[in-house]
Amino acid sequence: MRIKNGFTLIELMITVVVIGILASIAYPSYIEYVAKGVRAEGLALLSDAANRQEQFYLDNRTYTTSMTELGFNKSPFVSESGYYSLSGTVTGSGSFTLTASATGAQAARDASCKNLQITETGAKSPEGCW
């Protein structure tokens, strides 16, 4: 009597196909999960900048156009890991819009939420990204 050791080619190919199917389902979900995790950094940057802008308004009765007056010393103004850059516009003295734009790999991963915005009224856009 002979003992067989190993796998047949058919068994090996079935295993490869099953792993391929699982990977094709799991990889897009993983990329979306990573994008949402990094997006939190951009949201935190915007919230911090909006709070600083409101504090500046309380102290000076106007919003500032200069990010350095808000305490952001680096130019360009980027998030801690460098995935988002911060910019802001002031319209008159009573309104502002802050924008966090995704950079590098995050811009490709998170195309639907590439530019996050917040205004002085707390309006956040785009929908579904906050």
C-alpha atoms as a PDB file:
ATOM      1  CA  MET A   1       0.000   0.000   0.000  1.00  0.00           C
ATOM      2  CA  ARG A   2       1.263   3.430  -0.982  1.00  0.00           C
ATOM      3  CA  ILE A   3       0.783   6.631   1.129  1.00  0.00           C
ATOM      4  CA  LYS A   4       0.222   9.873  -0.806  1.00  0.00           C
ATOM      5  CA  ASN A   5       1.849  13.045   0.507  1.00  0.00           C
ATOM      6  CA  GLY A   6       1.131  16.567  -0.750  1.00  0.00           C
ATOM      7  CA  PHE A   7      -1.641  18.278  -2.669  1.00  0.00           C
ATOM      8  CA  THR A   8      -2.935  17.822  -6.158  1.00  0.00           C
ATOM      9  CA  LEU A   9      -2.846  20.703  -8.618  1.00  0.00           C
ATOM     10  CA  ILE A  10      -6.654  21.000  -8.542  1.00  0.00           C
ATOM     11  CA  GLU A  11      -6.705  21.387  -4.743  1.00  0.00           C
ATOM     12  CA  LEU A  12      -4.019  24.059  -4.944  1.00  0.00           C
ATOM     13  CA  MET A  13      -5.865  26.000  -7.665  1.00  0.00           C
ATOM     14  CA  ILE A  14      -9.143  25.909  -5.713  1.00  0.00           C
ATOM     15  CA  THR A  15      -7.326  27.317  -2.676  1.00  0.00           C
ATOM     16  CA  VAL A  16      -5.801  30.127  -4.756  1.00  0.00           C
ATOM     17  CA  VAL A  17      -9.205  31.030  -6.236  1.00  0.00           C
ATOM     18  CA  VAL A  18     -10.860  31.128  -2.789  1.00  0.00           C
ATOM     19  CA  ILE A  19      -8.076  33.370  -1.414  1.00  0.00           C
ATOM     20  CA  GLY A  20      -8.374  35.640  -4.466  1.00  0.00           C
ATOM     21  CA  ILE A  21     -12.118  36.041  -3.994  1.00  0.00           C
ATOM     22  CA  LEU A  22     -11.726  36.848  -0.301  1.00  0.00           C
ATOM     23  CA  ALA A  23      -8.974  39.372  -1.031  1.00  0.00           C
ATOM     24  CA  SER A  24     -11.033  41.108  -3.722  1.00  0.00           C
ATOM     25  CA  ILE A  25     -13.831  41.627  -1.199  1.00  0.00           C
ATOM     26  CA  ALA A  26     -11.680  42.602   1.776  1.00  0.00           C
ATOM     27  CA  TYR A  27      -9.205  45.028   0.149  1.00  0.00           C
ATOM     28  CA  PRO A  28     -11.702  47.771  -0.877  1.00  0.00           C
ATOM     29  CA  SER A  29     -13.281  47.649   2.590  1.00  0.00           C
ATOM     30  CA  TYR A  30      -9.849  48.005   4.155  1.00  0.00           C
ATOM     31  CA  ILE A  31      -8.972  51.023   1.982  1.00  0.00           C
ATOM     32  CA  GLU A  32     -12.276  52.697   2.918  1.00  0.00           C
ATOM     33  CA  TYR A  33     -11.600  52.020   6.608  1.00  0.00           C
ATOM     34  CA  VAL A  34      -8.119  53.552   6.372  1.00  0.00           C
ATOM     35  CA  ALA A  35      -9.489  56.614   4.544  1.00  0.00           C
ATOM     36  CA  LYS A  36     -12.100  57.210   7.254  1.00  0.00           C
ATOM     37  CA  GLY A  37      -9.466  56.844   9.955  1.00  0.00           C
ATOM     38  CA  VAL A  38      -7.163  59.391   8.350  1.00  0.00           C
ATOM     39  CA  ARG A  39     -10.119  61.707   7.635  1.00  0.00           C
ATOM     40  CA  ALA A  40     -10.491  62.102  11.407  1.00  0.00           C
ATOM     41  CA  GLU A  41      -7.171  63.950  11.383  1.00  0.00           C
ATOM     42  CA  GLY A  42      -8.531  66.484   8.889  1.00  0.00           C
ATOM     43  CA  LEU A  43     -11.716  66.921  10.896  1.00  0.00           C
ATOM     44  CA  ALA A  44      -9.710  67.514  14.070  1.00  0.00           C
ATOM     45  CA  LEU A  45      -7.559  70.093  12.263  1.00  0.00           C
ATOM     46  CA  LEU A  46     -10.654  71.960  11.068  1.00  0.00           C
ATOM     47  CA  SER A  47     -12.324  71.892  14.475  1.00  0.00           C
ATOM     48  CA  ASP A  48      -9.168  73.200  16.130  1.00  0.00           C
ATOM     49  CA  ALA A  49      -8.782  75.992  13.561  1.00  0.00           C
ATOM     50  CA  ALA A  50     -12.461  76.975  13.877  1.00  0.00           C
ATOM     51  CA  ASN A  51     -12.143  77.143  17.673  1.00  0.00           C
ATOM     52  CA  ARG A  52      -9.029  79.314  17.344  1.00  0.00           C
ATOM     53  CA  GLN A  53     -10.806  81.570  14.843  1.00  0.00           C
ATOM     54  CA  GLU A  54     -13.731  82.014  17.264  1.00  0.00           C
ATOM     55  CA  GLN A  55     -11.332  82.802  20.117  1.00  0.00           C
ATOM     56  CA  PHE A  56      -9.617  85.386  17.914  1.00  0.00           C
ATOM     57  CA  TYR A  57     -13.037  86.888  17.159  1.00  0.00           C
ATOM     58  CA  LEU A  58     -13.849  87.133  20.875  1.00  0.00           C
ATOM     59  CA  ASP A  59     -10.568  88.925  21.511  1.00  0.00           C
ATOM     60  CA  ASN A  60     -10.551  91.254  18.472  1.00  0.00           C
ATOM     61  CA  ARG A  61     -14.186  91.491  17.273  1.00  0.00           C
ATOM     62  CA  THR A  62     -13.100  90.338  13.798  1.00  0.00           C
ATOM     63  CA  TYR A  63     -11.873  87.146  12.135  1.00  0.00           C
ATOM     64  CA  THR A  64      -8.313  86.958  10.897  1.00  0.00           C
ATOM     65  CA  THR A  65      -7.045  86.078   7.427  1.00  0.00           C
ATOM     66  CA  SER A  66      -3.645  85.052   8.813  1.00  0.00           C
ATOM     67  CA  MET A  67      -3.216  81.499  10.044  1.00  0.00           C
ATOM     68  CA  THR A  68      -0.098  82.542  11.973  1.00  0.00           C
ATOM     69  CA  GLU A  69      -2.266  84.818  14.135  1.00  0.00           C
ATOM     70  CA  LEU A  70      -4.237  81.695  15.051  1.00  0.00           C
ATOM     71  CA  GLY A  71      -1.072  79.972  16.260  1.00  0.00           C
ATOM     72  CA  PHE A  72      -0.282  77.845  13.211  1.00  0.00           C
ATOM     73  CA  ASN A  73       3.440  78.390  12.742  1.00  0.00           C
ATOM     74  CA  LYS A  74       4.303  76.073   9.856  1.00  0.00           C
ATOM     75  CA  SER A  75       3.636  77.105   6.285  1.00  0.00           C
ATOM     76  CA  PRO A  76       1.956  75.472   4.474  1.00  0.00           C
ATOM     77  CA  PHE A  77      -0.348  74.669   7.338  1.00  0.00           C
ATOM     78  CA  VAL A  78      -0.624  70.881   7.426  1.00  0.00           C
ATOM     79  CA  SER A  79      -2.003  68.307   9.810  1.00  0.00           C
ATOM     80  CA  GLU A  80       0.241  66.363  12.156  1.00  0.00           C
ATOM     81  CA  SER A  81       0.809  63.451   9.758  1.00  0.00           C
ATOM     82  CA  GLY A  82       0.742  65.631   6.649  1.00  0.00           C
ATOM     83  CA  TYR A  83      -2.391  64.167   5.082  1.00  0.00           C
ATOM     84  CA  TYR A  84      -4.346  67.461   5.095  1.00  0.00           C
ATOM     85  CA  SER A  85      -3.429  71.077   4.372  1.00  0.00           C
ATOM     86  CA  LEU A  86      -5.400  73.930   5.941  1.00  0.00           C
ATOM     87  CA  SER A  87      -6.541  77.127   4.260  1.00  0.00           C
ATOM     88  CA  GLY A  88      -9.067  79.743   5.177  1.00  0.00           C
ATOM     89  CA  THR A  89     -10.931  82.689   3.742  1.00  0.00           C
ATOM     90  CA  VAL A  90     -12.521  85.573   5.599  1.00  0.00           C
ATOM     91  CA  THR A  91     -15.421  87.450   4.047  1.00  0.00           C
ATOM     92  CA  GLY A  92     -15.685  90.872   5.598  1.00  0.00           C
ATOM     93  CA  SER A  93     -15.257  90.756   9.348  1.00  0.00           C
ATOM     94  CA  GLY A  94     -18.205  88.547  10.179  1.00  0.00           C
ATOM     95  CA  SER A  95     -17.673  85.253   8.388  1.00  0.00           C
ATOM     96  CA  PHE A  96     -15.017  82.708   7.539  1.00  0.00           C
ATOM     97  CA  THR A  97     -14.646  79.413   5.724  1.00  0.00           C
ATOM     98  CA  LEU A  98     -11.914  76.964   6.633  1.00  0.00           C
ATOM     99  CA  THR A  99     -10.922  74.180   4.244  1.00  0.00           C
ATOM    100  CA  ALA A 100      -8.847  71.066   4.873  1.00  0.00           C
ATOM    101  CA  SER A 101      -7.668  69.594   1.575  1.00  0.00           C
ATOM    102  CA  ALA A 102      -6.437  66.014   1.382  1.00  0.00           C
ATOM    103  CA  THR A 103      -2.880  65.617   0.103  1.00  0.00           C
ATOM    104  CA  GLY A 104      -0.799  62.713  -1.123  1.00  0.00           C
ATOM    105  CA  ALA A 105      -2.192  59.228  -0.696  1.00  0.00           C
ATOM    106  CA  GLN A 106      -5.254  60.472   1.184  1.00  0.00           C
ATOM    107  CA  ALA A 107      -6.395  62.498  -1.838  1.00  0.00           C
ATOM    108  CA  ALA A 108      -6.508  59.316  -3.920  1.00  0.00           C
ATOM    109  CA  ARG A 109      -8.021  57.133  -1.169  1.00  0.00           C
ATOM    110  CA  ASP A 110     -10.796  59.501  -0.156  1.00  0.00           C
ATOM    111  CA  ALA A 111     -11.896  61.182  -3.388  1.00  0.00           C
ATOM    112  CA  SER A 112     -15.468  61.888  -2.228  1.00  0.00           C
ATOM    113  CA  CYS A 113     -14.264  63.778   0.859  1.00  0.00           C
ATOM    114  CA  LYS A 114     -11.151  65.396  -0.588  1.00  0.00           C
ATOM    115  CA  ASN A 115     -12.015  68.926   0.609  1.00  0.00           C
ATOM    116  CA  LEU A 116     -13.602  69.310   4.041  1.00  0.00           C
ATOM    117  CA  GLN A 117     -15.062  72.684   5.025  1.00  0.00           C
ATOM    118  CA  ILE A 118     -16.486  74.427   8.061  1.00  0.00           C
ATOM    119  CA  THR A 119     -17.901  77.943   8.400  1.00  0.00           C
ATOM    120  CA  GLU A 120     -18.406  80.358  11.288  1.00  0.00           C
ATOM    121  CA  THR A 121     -21.982  79.088  11.717  1.00  0.00           C
ATOM    122  CA  GLY A 122     -20.752  75.525  12.106  1.00  0.00           C
ATOM    123  CA  ALA A 123     -21.998  74.455   8.662  1.00  0.00           C
ATOM    124  CA  LYS A 124     -19.951  71.458   7.561  1.00  0.00           C
ATOM    125  CA  SER A 125     -19.524  70.118   4.059  1.00  0.00           C
ATOM    126  CA  PRO A 126     -19.557  67.856   2.151  1.00  0.00           C
ATOM    127  CA  GLU A 127     -22.434  65.865   3.564  1.00  0.00           C
ATOM    128  CA  GLY A 128     -21.593  62.394   4.841  1.00  0.00           C
ATOM    129  CA  CYS A 129     -17.940  63.166   5.483  1.00  0.00           C
ATOM    130  CA  TRP A 130     -18.413  64.437   9.026  1.00  0.00           C
END
